[in-house]
C-alpha atoms as a PDB file:
ATOM      1  CA  UNK A   1     -19.292   4.766   6.256  1.00  0.00           C
ATOM      2  CA  UNK A   2     -18.426   5.119   9.981  1.00  0.00           C
ATOM      3  CA  UNK A   3     -16.736   1.910   9.873  1.00  0.00           C
ATOM      4  CA  UNK A   4     -14.270   3.181   7.136  1.00  0.00           C
ATOM      5  CA  UNK A   5     -13.526   6.422   9.067  1.00  0.00           C
ATOM      6  CA  UNK A   6     -12.967   4.291  12.236  1.00  0.00           C
ATOM      7  CA  UNK A   7     -10.694   2.264  10.375  1.00  0.00           C
ATOM      8  CA  UNK A   8      -8.805   5.158   8.915  1.00  0.00           C
ATOM      9  CA  UNK A   9      -8.455   6.640  12.143  1.00  0.00           C
ATOM     10  CA  UNK A  10      -6.998   3.678  13.822  1.00  0.00           C
ATOM     11  CA  UNK A  11      -4.346   3.289  10.693  1.00  0.00           C
ATOM     12  CA  UNK A  12      -3.389   6.886  11.367  1.00  0.00           C
ATOM     13  CA  UNK A  13      -2.897   6.575  15.016  1.00  0.00           C
ATOM     14  CA  UNK A  14      -1.024   3.509  14.887  1.00  0.00           C
ATOM     15  CA  UNK A  15       1.126   4.965  12.205  1.00  0.00           C
ATOM     16  CA  UNK A  16       2.048   8.052  14.484  1.00  0.00           C
ATOM     17  CA  UNK A  17       2.543   5.764  17.488  1.00  0.00           C
ATOM     18  CA  UNK A  18       5.016   3.940  15.367  1.00  0.00           C
ATOM     19  CA  UNK A  19       6.685   6.866  14.235  1.00  0.00           C
ATOM     20  CA  UNK A  20       7.126   8.297  17.662  1.00  0.00           C
ATOM     21  CA  UNK A  21       8.439   5.251  19.014  1.00  0.00           C
ATOM     22  CA  UNK A  22      11.168   4.895  16.284  1.00  0.00           C
ATOM     23  CA  UNK A  23      12.380   8.189  16.981  1.00  0.00           C
ATOM     24  CA  UNK A  24      12.363   8.351  20.687  1.00  0.00           C
ATOM     25  CA  UNK A  25      15.434   8.132  22.744  1.00  0.00           C
ATOM     26  CA  UNK A  26      16.524   4.788  23.347  1.00  0.00           C
ATOM     27  CA  UNK A  27      15.942   4.155  27.139  1.00  0.00           C
ATOM     28  CA  UNK A  28      18.668   1.515  27.361  1.00  0.00           C
ATOM     29  CA  UNK A  29      21.117   4.306  26.408  1.00  0.00           C
ATOM     30  CA  UNK A  30      20.145   6.729  29.225  1.00  0.00           C
ATOM     31  CA  UNK A  31      22.959   6.892  31.847  1.00  0.00           C
ATOM     32  CA  UNK A  32      21.820   5.433  35.083  1.00  0.00           C
ATOM     33  CA  UNK A  33      24.184   7.778  37.099  1.00  0.00           C
ATOM     34  CA  UNK A  34      23.184  10.868  36.139  1.00  0.00           C
ATOM     35  CA  UNK A  35      26.030  11.516  33.542  1.00  0.00           C
ATOM     36  CA  UNK A  36      25.390  13.077  30.146  1.00  0.00           C
ATOM     37  CA  UNK A  37      25.866  11.337  27.228  1.00  0.00           C
ATOM     38  CA  UNK A  38      26.827  13.173  23.644  1.00  0.00           C
ATOM     39  CA  UNK A  39      26.238  11.809  20.151  1.00  0.00           C
ATOM     40  CA  UNK A  40      28.558  12.022  17.287  1.00  0.00           C
ATOM     41  CA  UNK A  41      27.680  11.035  13.489  1.00  0.00           C
ATOM     42  CA  UNK A  42      29.916  10.156  11.034  1.00  0.00           C
ATOM     43  CA  UNK A  43      29.406   8.845   7.261  1.00  0.00           C
ATOM     44  CA  UNK A  44      32.519   6.777   6.191  1.00  0.00           C
ATOM     45  CA  UNK A  45      31.193   4.532   3.269  1.00  0.00           C
ATOM     46  CA  UNK A  46      29.580   1.274   4.313  1.00  0.00           C
ATOM     47  CA  UNK A  47      28.262   1.496   7.916  1.00  0.00           C
ATOM     48  CA  UNK A  48      28.773  -2.260   8.513  1.00  0.00           C
ATOM     49  CA  UNK A  49      32.633  -1.368   8.161  1.00  0.00           C
ATOM     50  CA  UNK A  50      32.206   1.941  10.492  1.00  0.00           C
ATOM     51  CA  UNK A  51      30.552   0.089  13.603  1.00  0.00           C
ATOM     52  CA  UNK A  52      33.360  -1.833  14.561  1.00  0.00           C
ATOM     53  CA  UNK A  53      35.717   0.802  14.103  1.00  0.00           C
ATOM     54  CA  UNK A  54      34.014   2.683  17.099  1.00  0.00           C
ATOM     55  CA  UNK A  55      32.471  -0.083  19.215  1.00  0.00           C
ATOM     56  CA  UNK A  56      35.422  -1.048  21.303  1.00  0.00           C
ATOM     57  CA  UNK A  57      36.723   2.371  21.921  1.00  0.00           C
ATOM     58  CA  UNK A  58      36.785   3.519  25.657  1.00  0.00           C
ATOM     59  CA  UNK A  59      33.726   5.948  26.413  1.00  0.00           C
ATOM     60  CA  UNK A  60      31.828   4.754  23.910  1.00  0.00           C
ATOM     61  CA  UNK A  61      28.362   3.601  24.854  1.00  0.00           C
ATOM     62  CA  UNK A  62      26.606   2.529  21.789  1.00  0.00           C
ATOM     63  CA  UNK A  63      27.162   2.579  17.976  1.00  0.00           C
ATOM     64  CA  UNK A  64      23.981   2.499  15.372  1.00  0.00           C
ATOM     65  CA  UNK A  65      24.106   2.013  11.952  1.00  0.00           C
ATOM     66  CA  UNK A  66      21.830   4.328   9.529  1.00  0.00           C
ATOM     67  CA  UNK A  67      21.132   6.956   7.397  1.00  0.00           C
ATOM     68  CA  UNK A  68      21.787  11.012   7.927  1.00  0.00           C
ATOM     69  CA  UNK A  69      20.564  13.696   5.657  1.00  0.00           C
ATOM     70  CA  UNK A  70      17.856  13.741   3.057  1.00  0.00           C
ATOM     71  CA  UNK A  71      17.400  13.231  -0.496  1.00  0.00           C
ATOM     72  CA  UNK A  72      20.520  13.490  -2.474  1.00  0.00           C
ATOM     73  CA  UNK A  73      22.380  14.328   0.521  1.00  0.00           C
ATOM     74  CA  UNK A  74      21.650  11.007   2.258  1.00  0.00           C
ATOM     75  CA  UNK A  75      24.793   9.061   3.459  1.00  0.00           C
ATOM     76  CA  UNK A  76      25.264   5.816   5.175  1.00  0.00           C
ATOM     77  CA  UNK A  77      26.174   6.968   8.791  1.00  0.00           C
ATOM     78  CA  UNK A  78      26.741   5.633  12.150  1.00  0.00           C
ATOM     79  CA  UNK A  79      25.521   7.407  15.419  1.00  0.00           C
ATOM     80  CA  UNK A  80      27.989   7.285  18.421  1.00  0.00           C
ATOM     81  CA  UNK A  81      26.906   7.925  21.874  1.00  0.00           C
ATOM     82  CA  UNK A  82      29.577   8.551  23.858  1.00  0.00           C
ATOM     83  CA  UNK A  83      30.410   9.540  27.579  1.00  0.00           C
ATOM     84  CA  UNK A  84      32.434  13.052  27.294  1.00  0.00           C
ATOM     85  CA  UNK A  85      33.927  12.126  31.010  1.00  0.00           C
ATOM     86  CA  UNK A  86      35.322   9.150  29.268  1.00  0.00           C
ATOM     87  CA  UNK A  87      36.408  10.285  25.714  1.00  0.00           C
ATOM     88  CA  UNK A  88      36.216  13.512  23.734  1.00  0.00           C
ATOM     89  CA  UNK A  89      34.546  14.520  20.620  1.00  0.00           C
ATOM     90  CA  UNK A  90      38.195  15.269  19.351  1.00  0.00           C
ATOM     91  CA  UNK A  91      39.307  11.590  19.995  1.00  0.00           C
ATOM     92  CA  UNK A  92      36.420  10.405  18.086  1.00  0.00           C
ATOM     93  CA  UNK A  93      37.572  12.708  15.225  1.00  0.00           C
ATOM     94  CA  UNK A  94      40.926  11.289  15.228  1.00  0.00           C
ATOM     95  CA  UNK A  95      39.451   7.768  15.034  1.00  0.00           C
ATOM     96  CA  UNK A  96      37.052   8.732  12.445  1.00  0.00           C
ATOM     97  CA  UNK A  97      39.728  10.193  10.361  1.00  0.00           C
ATOM     98  CA  UNK A  98      42.163   6.805  10.506  1.00  0.00           C
ATOM     99  CA  UNK A  99      38.708   4.714   9.332  1.00  0.00           C
ATOM    100  CA  UNK A 100      38.175   6.650   5.873  1.00  0.00           C
ATOM    101  CA  UNK A 101      40.023   7.694   2.934  1.00  0.00           C
ATOM    102  CA  UNK A 102      39.358  11.384   3.307  1.00  0.00           C
ATOM    103  CA  UNK A 103      40.407  12.212  -0.300  1.00  0.00           C
ATOM    104  CA  UNK A 104      38.145  10.072  -1.997  1.00  0.00           C
ATOM    105  CA  UNK A 105      35.131  12.035  -3.495  1.00  0.00           C
ATOM    106  CA  UNK A 106      33.357   9.296  -5.156  1.00  0.00           C
ATOM    107  CA  UNK A 107      32.619   6.806  -2.129  1.00  0.00           C
ATOM    108  CA  UNK A 108      34.947   4.669   0.077  1.00  0.00           C
ATOM    109  CA  UNK A 109      36.620   1.950  -0.967  1.00  0.00           C
ATOM    110  CA  UNK A 110      34.449  -0.429  -3.125  1.00  0.00           C
ATOM    111  CA  UNK A 111      31.361   1.241  -2.415  1.00  0.00           C
ATOM    112  CA  UNK A 112      30.662   4.092  -5.035  1.00  0.00           C
ATOM    113  CA  UNK A 113      28.261   6.823  -5.025  1.00  0.00           C
ATOM    114  CA  UNK A 114      26.916  10.127  -3.160  1.00  0.00           C
ATOM    115  CA  UNK A 115      25.592   7.590  -0.101  1.00  0.00           C
ATOM    116  CA  UNK A 116      28.995   6.527   0.462  1.00  0.00           C
ATOM    117  CA  UNK A 117      31.003   9.674   0.531  1.00  0.00           C
ATOM    118  CA  UNK A 118      32.335  10.760   3.788  1.00  0.00           C
ATOM    119  CA  UNK A 119      31.051  13.445   5.808  1.00  0.00           C
ATOM    120  CA  UNK A 120      31.148  14.689   9.577  1.00  0.00           C
ATOM    121  CA  UNK A 121      27.426  15.718  10.865  1.00  0.00           C
ATOM    122  CA  UNK A 122      27.792  18.301  13.698  1.00  0.00           C
ATOM    123  CA  UNK A 123      25.154  18.826  16.238  1.00  0.00           C
ATOM    124  CA  UNK A 124      26.419  22.210  17.514  1.00  0.00           C
ATOM    125  CA  UNK A 125      28.610  25.010  17.171  1.00  0.00           C
ATOM    126  CA  UNK A 126      31.200  23.220  19.308  1.00  0.00           C
ATOM    127  CA  UNK A 127      31.238  20.227  17.172  1.00  0.00           C
ATOM    128  CA  UNK A 128      31.360  22.270  14.133  1.00  0.00           C
ATOM    129  CA  UNK A 129      34.411  24.173  15.216  1.00  0.00           C
ATOM    130  CA  UNK A 130      36.122  20.899  16.085  1.00  0.00           C
ATOM    131  CA  UNK A 131      35.530  18.907  12.938  1.00  0.00           C
ATOM    132  CA  UNK A 132      36.463  21.931  10.807  1.00  0.00           C
ATOM    133  CA  UNK A 133      39.506  22.428  12.665  1.00  0.00           C
ATOM    134  CA  UNK A 134      40.324  18.658  12.412  1.00  0.00           C
ATOM    135  CA  UNK A 135      39.526  18.812   8.714  1.00  0.00           C
ATOM    136  CA  UNK A 136      42.027  21.526   8.046  1.00  0.00           C
ATOM    137  CA  UNK A 137      44.787  19.548   9.932  1.00  0.00           C
ATOM    138  CA  UNK A 138      44.224  16.349   7.996  1.00  0.00           C
ATOM    139  CA  UNK A 139      44.462  18.396   4.858  1.00  0.00           C
ATOM    140  CA  UNK A 140      47.644  19.924   5.672  1.00  0.00           C
ATOM    141  CA  UNK A 141      48.989  16.720   7.072  1.00  0.00           C
ATOM    142  CA  UNK A 142      47.931  14.749   3.758  1.00  0.00           C
ATOM    143  CA  UNK A 143      49.226  17.558   1.535  1.00  0.00           C
ATOM    144  CA  UNK A 144      46.056  16.866  -0.465  1.00  0.00           C
ATOM    145  CA  UNK A 145      42.281  18.183  -0.757  1.00  0.00           C
ATOM    146  CA  UNK A 146      40.026  16.593   1.539  1.00  0.00           C
ATOM    147  CA  UNK A 147      36.952  15.714   0.185  1.00  0.00           C
ATOM    148  CA  UNK A 148      34.970  15.002   3.470  1.00  0.00           C
ATOM    149  CA  UNK A 149      32.458  17.365   4.109  1.00  0.00           C
ATOM    150  CA  UNK A 150      31.548  18.880   7.582  1.00  0.00           C
ATOM    151  CA  UNK A 151      27.988  19.370   7.756  1.00  0.00           C
ATOM    152  CA  UNK A 152      25.255  20.338  10.256  1.00  0.00           C
ATOM    153  CA  UNK A 153      23.167  17.195  11.600  1.00  0.00           C
ATOM    154  CA  UNK A 154      19.604  17.233  10.267  1.00  0.00           C
ATOM    155  CA  UNK A 155      18.218  14.003  10.622  1.00  0.00           C
ATOM    156  CA  UNK A 156      19.085  10.178  11.295  1.00  0.00           C
ATOM    157  CA  UNK A 157      17.043   7.247  10.418  1.00  0.00           C
ATOM    158  CA  UNK A 158      18.216   4.028  11.955  1.00  0.00           C
ATOM    159  CA  UNK A 159      18.936   1.041   9.572  1.00  0.00           C
ATOM    160  CA  UNK A 160      17.179  -2.223   9.388  1.00  0.00           C
ATOM    161  CA  UNK A 161      17.697  -4.410  12.131  1.00  0.00           C
ATOM    162  CA  UNK A 162      19.969  -6.865  10.053  1.00  0.00           C
ATOM    163  CA  UNK A 163      22.461  -4.182   9.600  1.00  0.00           C
ATOM    164  CA  UNK A 164      22.871  -3.137  13.076  1.00  0.00           C
ATOM    165  CA  UNK A 165      26.116  -4.883  14.349  1.00  0.00           C
ATOM    166  CA  UNK A 166      26.331  -6.699  10.787  1.00  0.00           C
ATOM    167  CA  UNK A 167      29.878  -7.573  11.658  1.00  0.00           C
ATOM    168  CA  UNK A 168      29.043  -9.552  14.866  1.00  0.00           C
ATOM    169  CA  UNK A 169      25.792 -11.322  13.283  1.00  0.00           C
ATOM    170  CA  UNK A 170      27.528 -12.123  10.061  1.00  0.00           C
ATOM    171  CA  UNK A 171      31.349 -12.575  10.851  1.00  0.00           C
ATOM    172  CA  UNK A 172      32.144 -14.437   7.882  1.00  0.00           C
ATOM    173  CA  UNK A 173      30.449 -12.506   5.263  1.00  0.00           C
ATOM    174  CA  UNK A 174      31.575  -9.373   6.748  1.00  0.00           C
ATOM    175  CA  UNK A 175      35.095 -10.310   6.842  1.00  0.00           C
ATOM    176  CA  UNK A 176      34.822 -11.485   3.133  1.00  0.00           C
ATOM    177  CA  UNK A 177      33.223  -8.151   1.858  1.00  0.00           C
ATOM    178  CA  UNK A 178      35.861  -6.116   4.150  1.00  0.00           C
ATOM    179  CA  UNK A 179      38.699  -7.826   2.574  1.00  0.00           C
ATOM    180  CA  UNK A 180      37.180  -7.555  -1.242  1.00  0.00           C
ATOM    181  CA  UNK A 181      36.532  -4.008  -0.548  1.00  0.00           C
ATOM    182  CA  UNK A 182      40.092  -3.646   0.175  1.00  0.00           C
ATOM    183  CA  UNK A 183      39.462  -0.956   2.795  1.00  0.00           C
ATOM    184  CA  UNK A 184      42.212  -2.232   5.256  1.00  0.00           C
ATOM    185  CA  UNK A 185      45.021  -2.097   2.455  1.00  0.00           C
ATOM    186  CA  UNK A 186      43.695   1.398   1.464  1.00  0.00           C
ATOM    187  CA  UNK A 187      43.561   2.728   4.825  1.00  0.00           C
ATOM    188  CA  UNK A 188      47.280   1.558   5.335  1.00  0.00           C
ATOM    189  CA  UNK A 189      48.323   3.173   2.294  1.00  0.00           C
ATOM    190  CA  UNK A 190      46.703   6.533   2.865  1.00  0.00           C
ATOM    191  CA  UNK A 191      47.851   6.659   6.882  1.00  0.00           C
ATOM    192  CA  UNK A 192      51.190   4.603   7.017  1.00  0.00           C
ATOM    193  CA  UNK A 193      53.384   7.425   7.052  1.00  0.00           C
ATOM    194  CA  UNK A 194      51.251   9.944   9.061  1.00  0.00           C
END
């Protein structure tokens, strides 16, 4: 009986350690010069296609694919660590809008279903205000109802390692997927005159 209890206790300790390790702040993302990084969360359909949209932007330190929300509200999302001294949340919002079809309420491009719908997850009142103002501006500019939702950030779970930087690890498969999904042609159609 003692052996069973000891094994059970060891399993619980290992599980707790694994969970806390997975959810800790990544030390490689902490700025070395004392600058404070901020985080933005955007859902724009398949996270494979959203990572490269932000990876190259000045001031963006790290982009990670994962899932935000819980249960039926869970969406494929990117977590963006950025230096507010080099870029702003407003600029990231502008870039987000140009990376999605904001009027599609059934998903994004060839990916259909609730977990592929677009959303902006806000971490504080400032982000919520900026996102709401930005959404209203896009709606007015398009002259159409925007289905992208602005919701408070709740939780983020990183995707599997193979899904991180998928476009770099599997460039041929990624290019084939993006082309067949007609993501770029639809983006050109939505944003060509705006």
